[in-house]
Amino acid sequence: MSKMKTNRGAAKRFKLTAKGKVRFNRAKRRHILSKKSTSWKRHARGGGTLAEPDAKLIRRLIPYK
């Protein structure tokens, strides 16, 4: 059986933690930050972890991470 291919778009956007959770960064933090509220930017700073049903789908896209 051949190797599974990693989805390169998913590999750039998601990382796996040591316990297997899927981490992601929040969107809309690249430019034009002056019009966005400070509280919104602070909330988006940390990223987050995906819920388990979504994480299951992403783990299939990045099998070797």
PDB file of N, CA and C in Angstrom:
ATOM      1  N   MET A   1       0.841  -1.185   0.000  1.00  0.00           N
ATOM      2  CA  MET A   1       0.000   0.000   0.000  1.00  0.00           C
ATOM      3  C   MET A   1       0.883   1.244   0.000  1.00  0.00           C
ATOM      4  N   SER A   2       0.490   2.229  -0.770  1.00  0.00           N
ATOM      5  CA  SER A   2       1.311   3.433  -0.865  1.00  0.00           C
ATOM      6  C   SER A   2       1.129   4.328   0.358  1.00  0.00           C
ATOM      7  N   LYS A   3       2.046   5.279   0.481  1.00  0.00           N
ATOM      8  CA  LYS A   3       1.975   6.212   1.605  1.00  0.00           C
ATOM      9  C   LYS A   3       0.775   7.135   1.460  1.00  0.00           C
ATOM     10  N   MET A   4       0.286   7.625   2.590  1.00  0.00           N
ATOM     11  CA  MET A   4      -0.790   8.613   2.562  1.00  0.00           C
ATOM     12  C   MET A   4      -0.168   9.982   2.293  1.00  0.00           C
ATOM     13  N   LYS A   5      -0.868  10.812   1.576  1.00  0.00           N
ATOM     14  CA  LYS A   5      -0.371  12.161   1.310  1.00  0.00           C
ATOM     15  C   LYS A   5      -0.918  13.125   2.348  1.00  0.00           C
ATOM     16  N   THR A   6      -0.038  14.010   2.811  1.00  0.00           N
ATOM     17  CA  THR A   6      -0.440  15.071   3.727  1.00  0.00           C
ATOM     18  C   THR A   6      -1.076  16.193   2.929  1.00  0.00           C
ATOM     19  N   ASN A   7      -2.192  16.707   3.409  1.00  0.00           N
ATOM     20  CA  ASN A   7      -2.817  17.869   2.792  1.00  0.00           C
ATOM     21  C   ASN A   7      -1.990  19.089   3.181  1.00  0.00           C
ATOM     22  N   ARG A   8      -1.318  19.706   2.218  1.00  0.00           N
ATOM     23  CA  ARG A   8      -0.364  20.765   2.517  1.00  0.00           C
ATOM     24  C   ARG A   8      -1.037  22.018   3.062  1.00  0.00           C
ATOM     25  N   GLY A   9      -2.260  22.300   2.631  1.00  0.00           N
ATOM     26  CA  GLY A   9      -2.979  23.450   3.170  1.00  0.00           C
ATOM     27  C   GLY A   9      -3.281  23.275   4.645  1.00  0.00           C
ATOM     28  N   ALA A  10      -3.680  22.069   5.032  1.00  0.00           N
ATOM     29  CA  ALA A  10      -3.966  21.786   6.438  1.00  0.00           C
ATOM     30  C   ALA A  10      -2.685  21.770   7.263  1.00  0.00           C
ATOM     31  N   ALA A  11      -1.603  21.279   6.691  1.00  0.00           N
ATOM     32  CA  ALA A  11      -0.334  21.210   7.419  1.00  0.00           C
ATOM     33  C   ALA A  11       0.180  22.599   7.774  1.00  0.00           C
ATOM     34  N   LYS A  12      -0.107  23.581   6.937  1.00  0.00           N
ATOM     35  CA  LYS A  12       0.334  24.952   7.201  1.00  0.00           C
ATOM     36  C   LYS A  12      -0.542  25.655   8.233  1.00  0.00           C
ATOM     37  N   ARG A  13      -1.763  25.182   8.414  1.00  0.00           N
ATOM     38  CA  ARG A  13      -2.718  25.881   9.275  1.00  0.00           C
ATOM     39  C   ARG A  13      -2.897  25.249  10.649  1.00  0.00           C
ATOM     40  N   PHE A  14      -2.595  23.968  10.787  1.00  0.00           N
ATOM     41  CA  PHE A  14      -2.863  23.253  12.027  1.00  0.00           C
ATOM     42  C   PHE A  14      -1.612  22.549  12.516  1.00  0.00           C
ATOM     43  N   LYS A  15      -1.485  22.449  13.845  1.00  0.00           N
ATOM     44  CA  LYS A  15      -0.388  21.707  14.469  1.00  0.00           C
ATOM     45  C   LYS A  15      -1.003  20.787  15.524  1.00  0.00           C
ATOM     46  N   LEU A  16      -0.355  19.656  15.753  1.00  0.00           N
ATOM     47  CA  LEU A  16      -0.814  18.740  16.772  1.00  0.00           C
ATOM     48  C   LEU A  16      -0.026  18.964  18.057  1.00  0.00           C
ATOM     49  N   THR A  17      -0.712  18.919  19.189  1.00  0.00           N
ATOM     50  CA  THR A  17      -0.050  19.020  20.477  1.00  0.00           C
ATOM     51  C   THR A  17       0.466  17.637  20.865  1.00  0.00           C
ATOM     52  N   ALA A  18       1.186  17.567  21.971  1.00  0.00           N
ATOM     53  CA  ALA A  18       1.738  16.291  22.425  1.00  0.00           C
ATOM     54  C   ALA A  18       0.639  15.291  22.770  1.00  0.00           C
ATOM     55  N   LYS A  19      -0.502  15.790  23.230  1.00  0.00           N
ATOM     56  CA  LYS A  19      -1.617  14.900  23.577  1.00  0.00           C
ATOM     57  C   LYS A  19      -2.531  14.606  22.395  1.00  0.00           C
ATOM     58  N   GLY A  20      -2.215  15.162  21.216  1.00  0.00           N
ATOM     59  CA  GLY A  20      -3.000  14.862  20.029  1.00  0.00           C
ATOM     60  C   GLY A  20      -4.106  15.848  19.726  1.00  0.00           C
ATOM     61  N   LYS A  21      -4.209  16.928  20.511  1.00  0.00           N
ATOM     62  CA  LYS A  21      -5.199  17.955  20.196  1.00  0.00           C
ATOM     63  C   LYS A  21      -4.716  18.761  19.005  1.00  0.00           C
ATOM     64  N   VAL A  22      -5.637  19.421  18.310  1.00  0.00           N
ATOM     65  CA  VAL A  22      -5.297  20.182  17.112  1.00  0.00           C
ATOM     66  C   VAL A  22      -5.354  21.671  17.433  1.00  0.00           C
ATOM     67  N   ARG A  23      -4.203  22.338  17.265  1.00  0.00           N
ATOM     68  CA  ARG A  23      -4.110  23.772  17.534  1.00  0.00           C
ATOM     69  C   ARG A  23      -4.259  24.556  16.235  1.00  0.00           C
ATOM     70  N   PHE A  24      -4.807  25.772  16.341  1.00  0.00           N
ATOM     71  CA  PHE A  24      -4.944  26.641  15.174  1.00  0.00           C
ATOM     72  C   PHE A  24      -4.739  28.082  15.599  1.00  0.00           C
ATOM     73  N   ASN A  25      -4.443  28.938  14.644  1.00  0.00           N
ATOM     74  CA  ASN A  25      -4.348  30.376  14.887  1.00  0.00           C
ATOM     75  C   ASN A  25      -5.597  31.050  14.342  1.00  0.00           C
ATOM     76  N   ARG A  26      -5.985  32.123  14.977  1.00  0.00           N
ATOM     77  CA  ARG A  26      -7.199  32.835  14.547  1.00  0.00           C
ATOM     78  C   ARG A  26      -6.903  33.720  13.339  1.00  0.00           C
ATOM     79  N   ALA A  27      -7.936  33.964  12.554  1.00  0.00           N
ATOM     80  CA  ALA A  27      -7.801  34.728  11.315  1.00  0.00           C
ATOM     81  C   ALA A  27      -7.877  36.231  11.579  1.00  0.00           C
ATOM     82  N   LYS A  28      -7.627  37.001  10.535  1.00  0.00           N
ATOM     83  CA  LYS A  28      -7.787  38.467  10.520  1.00  0.00           C
ATOM     84  C   LYS A  28      -6.836  39.181  11.471  1.00  0.00           C
ATOM     85  N   ARG A  29      -5.587  38.685  11.577  1.00  0.00           N
ATOM     86  CA  ARG A  29      -4.616  39.330  12.463  1.00  0.00           C
ATOM     87  C   ARG A  29      -3.387  39.809  11.688  1.00  0.00           C
ATOM     88  N   ARG A  30      -3.467  39.892  10.374  1.00  0.00           N
ATOM     89  CA  ARG A  30      -2.279  40.182   9.574  1.00  0.00           C
ATOM     90  C   ARG A  30      -2.056  41.678   9.344  1.00  0.00           C
ATOM     91  N   HIS A  31      -3.096  42.396   8.991  1.00  0.00           N
ATOM     92  CA  HIS A  31      -2.923  43.803   8.636  1.00  0.00           C
ATOM     93  C   HIS A  31      -4.223  44.544   8.897  1.00  0.00           C
ATOM     94  N   ILE A  32      -4.174  45.862   8.762  1.00  0.00           N
ATOM     95  CA  ILE A  32      -5.304  46.760   9.048  1.00  0.00           C
ATOM     96  C   ILE A  32      -5.838  46.491  10.457  1.00  0.00           C
ATOM     97  N   LEU A  33      -4.938  46.520  11.424  1.00  0.00           N
ATOM     98  CA  LEU A  33      -5.324  46.232  12.797  1.00  0.00           C
ATOM     99  C   LEU A  33      -5.827  47.469  13.531  1.00  0.00           C
ATOM    100  N   SER A  34      -5.632  48.645  12.940  1.00  0.00           N
ATOM    101  CA  SER A  34      -5.981  49.877  13.650  1.00  0.00           C
ATOM    102  C   SER A  34      -7.490  50.024  13.844  1.00  0.00           C
ATOM    103  N   LYS A  35      -8.282  49.500  12.928  1.00  0.00           N
ATOM    104  CA  LYS A  35      -9.738  49.649  13.053  1.00  0.00           C
ATOM    105  C   LYS A  35     -10.378  48.541  13.890  1.00  0.00           C
ATOM    106  N   LYS A  36      -9.599  47.517  14.263  1.00  0.00           N
ATOM    107  CA  LYS A  36     -10.128  46.427  15.071  1.00  0.00           C
ATOM    108  C   LYS A  36      -9.934  46.745  16.549  1.00  0.00           C
ATOM    109  N   SER A  37     -10.895  46.375  17.362  1.00  0.00           N
ATOM    110  CA  SER A  37     -10.850  46.742  18.769  1.00  0.00           C
ATOM    111  C   SER A  37      -9.732  45.991  19.494  1.00  0.00           C
ATOM    112  N   THR A  38      -9.231  46.617  20.545  1.00  0.00           N
ATOM    113  CA  THR A  38      -8.153  46.022  21.326  1.00  0.00           C
ATOM    114  C   THR A  38      -8.581  44.715  21.958  1.00  0.00           C
ATOM    115  N   SER A  39      -9.828  44.665  22.454  1.00  0.00           N
ATOM    116  CA  SER A  39     -10.297  43.441  23.087  1.00  0.00           C
ATOM    117  C   SER A  39     -10.410  42.308  22.072  1.00  0.00           C
ATOM    118  N   TRP A  40     -10.808  42.618  20.855  1.00  0.00           N
ATOM    119  CA  TRP A  40     -10.901  41.597  19.813  1.00  0.00           C
ATOM    120  C   TRP A  40      -9.522  41.058  19.460  1.00  0.00           C
ATOM    121  N   LYS A  41      -8.546  41.970  19.327  1.00  0.00           N
ATOM    122  CA  LYS A  41      -7.182  41.548  18.993  1.00  0.00           C
ATOM    123  C   LYS A  41      -6.577  40.719  20.124  1.00  0.00           C
ATOM    124  N   ARG A  42      -6.870  41.066  21.337  1.00  0.00           N
ATOM    125  CA  ARG A  42      -6.360  40.327  22.484  1.00  0.00           C
ATOM    126  C   ARG A  42      -6.961  38.916  22.519  1.00  0.00           C
ATOM    127  N   HIS A  43      -8.244  38.824  22.207  1.00  0.00           N
ATOM    128  CA  HIS A  43      -8.916  37.525  22.161  1.00  0.00           C
ATOM    129  C   HIS A  43      -8.324  36.634  21.066  1.00  0.00           C
ATOM    130  N   ALA A  44      -7.957  37.225  19.933  1.00  0.00           N
ATOM    131  CA  ALA A  44      -7.463  36.449  18.798  1.00  0.00           C
ATOM    132  C   ALA A  44      -5.992  36.094  18.917  1.00  0.00           C
ATOM    133  N   ARG A  45      -5.318  36.673  19.883  1.00  0.00           N
ATOM    134  CA  ARG A  45      -3.864  36.513  19.986  1.00  0.00           C
ATOM    135  C   ARG A  45      -3.451  35.067  20.263  1.00  0.00           C
ATOM    136  N   GLY A  46      -4.188  34.378  21.106  1.00  0.00           N
ATOM    137  CA  GLY A  46      -3.712  33.092  21.597  1.00  0.00           C
ATOM    138  C   GLY A  46      -3.947  31.903  20.692  1.00  0.00           C
ATOM    139  N   GLY A  47      -4.803  32.006  19.703  1.00  0.00           N
ATOM    140  CA  GLY A  47      -5.169  30.827  18.935  1.00  0.00           C
ATOM    141  C   GLY A  47      -6.134  29.979  19.733  1.00  0.00           C
ATOM    142  N   GLY A  48      -6.193  28.696  19.453  1.00  0.00           N
ATOM    143  CA  GLY A  48      -7.100  27.836  20.195  1.00  0.00           C
ATOM    144  C   GLY A  48      -6.955  26.393  19.778  1.00  0.00           C
ATOM    145  N   THR A  49      -7.795  25.546  20.339  1.00  0.00           N
ATOM    146  CA  THR A  49      -7.810  24.138  19.971  1.00  0.00           C
ATOM    147  C   THR A  49      -9.173  23.800  19.373  1.00  0.00           C
ATOM    148  N   LEU A  50      -9.166  22.916  18.416  1.00  0.00           N
ATOM    149  CA  LEU A  50     -10.407  22.524  17.752  1.00  0.00           C
ATOM    150  C   LEU A  50     -11.226  21.578  18.627  1.00  0.00           C
ATOM    151  N   ALA A  51     -12.521  21.615  18.436  1.00  0.00           N
ATOM    152  CA  ALA A  51     -13.414  20.656  19.079  1.00  0.00           C
ATOM    153  C   ALA A  51     -13.127  19.267  18.499  1.00  0.00           C
ATOM    154  N   GLU A  52     -13.395  18.254  19.273  1.00  0.00           N
ATOM    155  CA  GLU A  52     -13.019  16.890  18.893  1.00  0.00           C
ATOM    156  C   GLU A  52     -13.612  16.414  17.572  1.00  0.00           C
ATOM    157  N   PRO A  53     -14.880  16.680  17.238  1.00  0.00           N
ATOM    158  CA  PRO A  53     -15.379  16.228  15.926  1.00  0.00           C
ATOM    159  C   PRO A  53     -14.626  16.857  14.752  1.00  0.00           C
ATOM    160  N   ASP A  54     -14.256  18.145  14.885  1.00  0.00           N
ATOM    161  CA  ASP A  54     -13.478  18.804  13.826  1.00  0.00           C
ATOM    162  C   ASP A  54     -12.039  18.307  13.813  1.00  0.00           C
ATOM    163  N   ALA A  55     -11.487  18.076  14.989  1.00  0.00           N
ATOM    164  CA  ALA A  55     -10.101  17.629  15.089  1.00  0.00           C
ATOM    165  C   ALA A  55      -9.915  16.271  14.424  1.00  0.00           C
ATOM    166  N   LYS A  56     -10.918  15.427  14.530  1.00  0.00           N
ATOM    167  CA  LYS A  56     -10.845  14.100  13.920  1.00  0.00           C
ATOM    168  C   LYS A  56     -10.669  14.202  12.401  1.00  0.00           C
ATOM    169  N   LEU A  57     -11.372  15.134  11.793  1.00  0.00           N
ATOM    170  CA  LEU A  57     -11.253  15.333  10.345  1.00  0.00           C
ATOM    171  C   LEU A  57      -9.871  15.856   9.975  1.00  0.00           C
ATOM    172  N   ILE A  58      -9.347  16.780  10.776  1.00  0.00           N
ATOM    173  CA  ILE A  58      -8.040  17.377  10.463  1.00  0.00           C
ATOM    174  C   ILE A  58      -6.923  16.356  10.638  1.00  0.00           C
ATOM    175  N   ARG A  59      -7.027  15.490  11.638  1.00  0.00           N
ATOM    176  CA  ARG A  59      -5.985  14.468  11.852  1.00  0.00           C
ATOM    177  C   ARG A  59      -5.859  13.540  10.657  1.00  0.00           C
ATOM    178  N   ARG A  60      -6.954  13.337   9.932  1.00  0.00           N
ATOM    179  CA  ARG A  60      -6.882  12.511   8.714  1.00  0.00           C
ATOM    180  C   ARG A  60      -6.125  13.238   7.605  1.00  0.00           C
ATOM    181  N   LEU A  61      -6.144  14.567   7.622  1.00  0.00           N
ATOM    182  CA  LEU A  61      -5.443  15.340   6.594  1.00  0.00           C
ATOM    183  C   LEU A  61      -3.952  15.471   6.876  1.00  0.00           C
ATOM    184  N   ILE A  62      -3.563  15.382   8.169  1.00  0.00           N
ATOM    185  CA  ILE A  62      -2.151  15.506   8.524  1.00  0.00           C
ATOM    186  C   ILE A  62      -1.702  14.265   9.300  1.00  0.00           C
ATOM    187  N   PRO A  63      -1.569  13.129   8.616  1.00  0.00           N
ATOM    188  CA  PRO A  63      -1.310  11.865   9.317  1.00  0.00           C
ATOM    189  C   PRO A  63       0.084  11.751   9.918  1.00  0.00           C
ATOM    190  N   TYR A  64       1.077  12.478   9.424  1.00  0.00           N
ATOM    191  CA  TYR A  64       2.443  12.284   9.873  1.00  0.00           C
ATOM    192  C   TYR A  64       2.945  13.401  10.772  1.00  0.00           C
ATOM    193  N   LYS A  65       2.080  14.247  11.259  1.00  0.00           N
ATOM    194  CA  LYS A  65       2.513  15.369  12.110  1.00  0.00           C
ATOM    195  C   LYS A  65       2.608  14.919  13.534  1.00  0.00           C
TER     196      LYS A  65
END
